[in-house]
C-alpha atoms as a PDB file:
ATOM      1  CA  MET A   1       0.000   0.000   0.000  1.00  0.00           C
ATOM      2  CA  LYS A   2       1.058   3.548  -0.622  1.00  0.00           C
ATOM      3  CA  SER A   3       1.835   6.049   2.073  1.00  0.00           C
ATOM      4  CA  ARG A   4      -0.986   8.466   2.851  1.00  0.00           C
ATOM      5  CA  THR A   5      -1.137  11.609   4.940  1.00  0.00           C
ATOM      6  CA  PHE A   6      -4.251  12.579   6.858  1.00  0.00           C
ATOM      7  CA  GLN A   7      -5.041  15.571   9.029  1.00  0.00           C
ATOM      8  CA  LEU A   8      -6.779  14.794  12.300  1.00  0.00           C
ATOM      9  CA  GLN A   9      -8.305  16.983  14.945  1.00  0.00           C
ATOM     10  CA  THR A  10      -8.936  16.646  18.642  1.00  0.00           C
ATOM     11  CA  HIS A  11     -12.103  17.259  20.595  1.00  0.00           C
ATOM     12  CA  ASN A  12     -11.921  17.651  24.384  1.00  0.00           C
ATOM     13  CA  GLY A  13      -8.459  16.091  24.352  1.00  0.00           C
ATOM     14  CA  ASN A  14      -9.525  13.037  22.317  1.00  0.00           C
ATOM     15  CA  LEU A  15      -8.260  12.242  18.849  1.00  0.00           C
ATOM     16  CA  VAL A  16     -11.080  12.318  16.289  1.00  0.00           C
ATOM     17  CA  ILE A  17     -10.647   9.792  13.491  1.00  0.00           C
ATOM     18  CA  PRO A  18     -12.993  10.625  10.600  1.00  0.00           C
ATOM     19  CA  PRO A  19     -14.880   7.827   8.788  1.00  0.00           C
ATOM     20  CA  GLU A  20     -12.716   8.091   5.647  1.00  0.00           C
ATOM     21  CA  ILE A  21      -9.607   7.307   7.702  1.00  0.00           C
ATOM     22  CA  GLN A  22     -11.352   4.436   9.491  1.00  0.00           C
ATOM     23  CA  ASP A  23     -12.351   3.038   6.091  1.00  0.00           C
ATOM     24  CA  TYR A  24      -8.788   3.380   4.818  1.00  0.00           C
ATOM     25  CA  LEU A  25      -7.461   1.548   7.892  1.00  0.00           C
ATOM     26  CA  ARG A  26      -9.930  -1.331   7.370  1.00  0.00           C
ATOM     27  CA  HIS A  27      -8.247  -2.060   4.042  1.00  0.00           C
ATOM     28  CA  CYS A  28      -4.701  -1.931   5.421  1.00  0.00           C
ATOM     29  CA  PRO A  29      -2.762  -5.054   6.413  1.00  0.00           C
ATOM     30  CA  ASP A  30      -2.318  -5.746  10.125  1.00  0.00           C
ATOM     31  CA  ASN A  31       1.388  -4.909  10.069  1.00  0.00           C
ATOM     32  CA  ILE A  32       1.123  -1.265   8.993  1.00  0.00           C
ATOM     33  CA  LYS A  33       3.139   1.477  10.596  1.00  0.00           C
ATOM     34  CA  ILE A  34       1.324   4.640  11.696  1.00  0.00           C
ATOM     35  CA  SER A  35       3.269   7.781  12.601  1.00  0.00           C
ATOM     36  CA  LEU A  36       1.748  10.711  14.437  1.00  0.00           C
ATOM     37  CA  THR A  37       3.087  14.264  14.432  1.00  0.00           C
ATOM     38  CA  ILE A  38       1.479  16.792  16.735  1.00  0.00           C
ATOM     39  CA  GLU A  39       1.731  20.480  15.869  1.00  0.00           C
ATOM     40  CA  SER A  40       0.263  23.046  18.185  1.00  0.00           C
ATOM     41  CA  LEU A  41      -1.614  25.884  16.515  1.00  0.00           C
ATOM     42  CA  GLU A  42      -1.221  28.068  19.580  1.00  0.00           C
ATOM     43  CA  PHE A  43       1.829  30.036  20.598  1.00  0.00           C
ATOM     44  CA  ASP A  44       3.254  30.575  24.017  1.00  0.00           C
ATOM     45  CA  ARG A  45       2.887  34.300  24.683  1.00  0.00           C
ATOM     46  CA  ASP A  46       6.518  34.467  25.839  1.00  0.00           C
ATOM     47  CA  GLU A  47       7.624  33.228  22.397  1.00  0.00           C
ATOM     48  CA  LEU A  48       6.005  36.273  20.797  1.00  0.00           C
ATOM     49  CA  ASP A  49       6.900  38.786  23.506  1.00  0.00           C
ATOM     50  CA  PRO A  50      10.198  40.532  22.697  1.00  0.00           C
ATOM     51  CA  THR A  51      10.521  41.605  26.348  1.00  0.00           C
ATOM     52  CA  ALA A  52      10.215  38.067  27.744  1.00  0.00           C
ATOM     53  CA  ASP A  53      13.962  37.874  28.520  1.00  0.00           C
ATOM     54  CA  ASP A  54      14.236  41.498  29.661  1.00  0.00           C
ATOM     55  CA  PRO A  55      15.812  41.574  33.150  1.00  0.00           C
ATOM     56  CA  ASP A  56      13.928  44.820  33.857  1.00  0.00           C
ATOM     57  CA  ARG A  57      10.557  43.296  33.023  1.00  0.00           C
ATOM     58  CA  ASN A  58       7.923  43.949  35.692  1.00  0.00           C
ATOM     59  CA  LYS A  59      10.142  46.458  37.493  1.00  0.00           C
ATOM     60  CA  GLU A  60       8.757  49.854  38.398  1.00  0.00           C
ATOM     61  CA  ILE A  61       9.446  52.718  35.983  1.00  0.00           C
ATOM     62  CA  LYS A  62       9.895  56.296  37.160  1.00  0.00           C
ATOM     63  CA  ASP A  63       6.992  58.528  36.164  1.00  0.00           C
ATOM     64  CA  SER A  64       9.304  61.044  34.483  1.00  0.00           C
ATOM     65  CA  PHE A  65      10.928  58.351  32.334  1.00  0.00           C
ATOM     66  CA  GLN A  66       7.568  56.857  31.418  1.00  0.00           C
ATOM     67  CA  GLN A  67       6.300  60.316  30.455  1.00  0.00           C
ATOM     68  CA  SER A  68       9.309  60.933  28.197  1.00  0.00           C
ATOM     69  CA  LEU A  69       8.728  57.579  26.472  1.00  0.00           C
ATOM     70  CA  LEU A  70       5.065  58.433  25.940  1.00  0.00           C
ATOM     71  CA  GLU A  71       6.039  61.791  24.414  1.00  0.00           C
ATOM     72  CA  ILE A  72       8.442  60.082  22.007  1.00  0.00           C
ATOM     73  CA  GLN A  73       5.759  57.573  21.066  1.00  0.00           C
ATOM     74  CA  GLN A  74       3.246  60.368  20.436  1.00  0.00           C
ATOM     75  CA  LYS A  75       5.718  62.243  18.237  1.00  0.00           C
ATOM     76  CA  ARG A  76       6.378  59.131  16.182  1.00  0.00           C
ATOM     77  CA  SER A  77       2.666  58.382  15.894  1.00  0.00           C
ATOM     78  CA  ALA A  78       2.117  61.920  14.644  1.00  0.00           C
ATOM     79  CA  GLY A  79       4.768  61.340  11.987  1.00  0.00           C
ATOM     80  CA  ARG A  80       7.196  63.906  13.342  1.00  0.00           C
ATOM     81  CA  PRO A  81      10.812  62.720  13.274  1.00  0.00           C
ATOM     82  CA  THR A  82      12.625  63.019  16.573  1.00  0.00           C
ATOM     83  CA  ILE A  83      16.085  63.527  15.026  1.00  0.00           C
ATOM     84  CA  SER A  84      17.223  63.491  11.423  1.00  0.00           C
ATOM     85  CA  GLU A  85      19.491  60.824   9.999  1.00  0.00           C
ATOM     86  CA  GLU A  86      22.109  63.443   9.147  1.00  0.00           C
ATOM     87  CA  ASP A  87      22.116  64.752  12.726  1.00  0.00           C
ATOM     88  CA  VAL A  88      22.730  61.246  14.056  1.00  0.00           C
ATOM     89  CA  TYR A  89      25.676  60.755  11.690  1.00  0.00           C
ATOM     90  CA  GLN A  90      27.132  64.135  12.618  1.00  0.00           C
ATOM     91  CA  ARG A  91      26.574  63.697  16.362  1.00  0.00           C
ATOM     92  CA  TYR A  92      28.355  60.325  16.462  1.00  0.00           C
ATOM     93  CA  GLY A  93      31.012  61.086  13.857  1.00  0.00           C
ATOM     94  CA  ILE A  94      29.754  58.576  11.324  1.00  0.00           C
ATOM     95  CA  SER A  95      30.696  59.157   7.715  1.00  0.00           C
ATOM     96  CA  VAL A  96      28.582  57.624   4.999  1.00  0.00           C
ATOM     97  CA  GLU A  97      30.215  57.028   1.655  1.00  0.00           C
END
């Protein structure tokens, strides 16, 4: 028999085997090999959170610092640049060729 691939689902933690797969298995010899690969469709929030490994995570932030970050964010949201590219190059002595 040829190799076939089927997609299964679970319901309340139980594997659901649709009738077409059951029918296919009825026609298979007794010594078949069945492999199962489980892929989770959910992500761990820490995998997607860029601050998950931040040592300062969950530490208290000074109000003044938080306010300055909010101001920067508002400026960027409004489309106003905070500093030009040329000013950055000049300030840090970077020459672009």
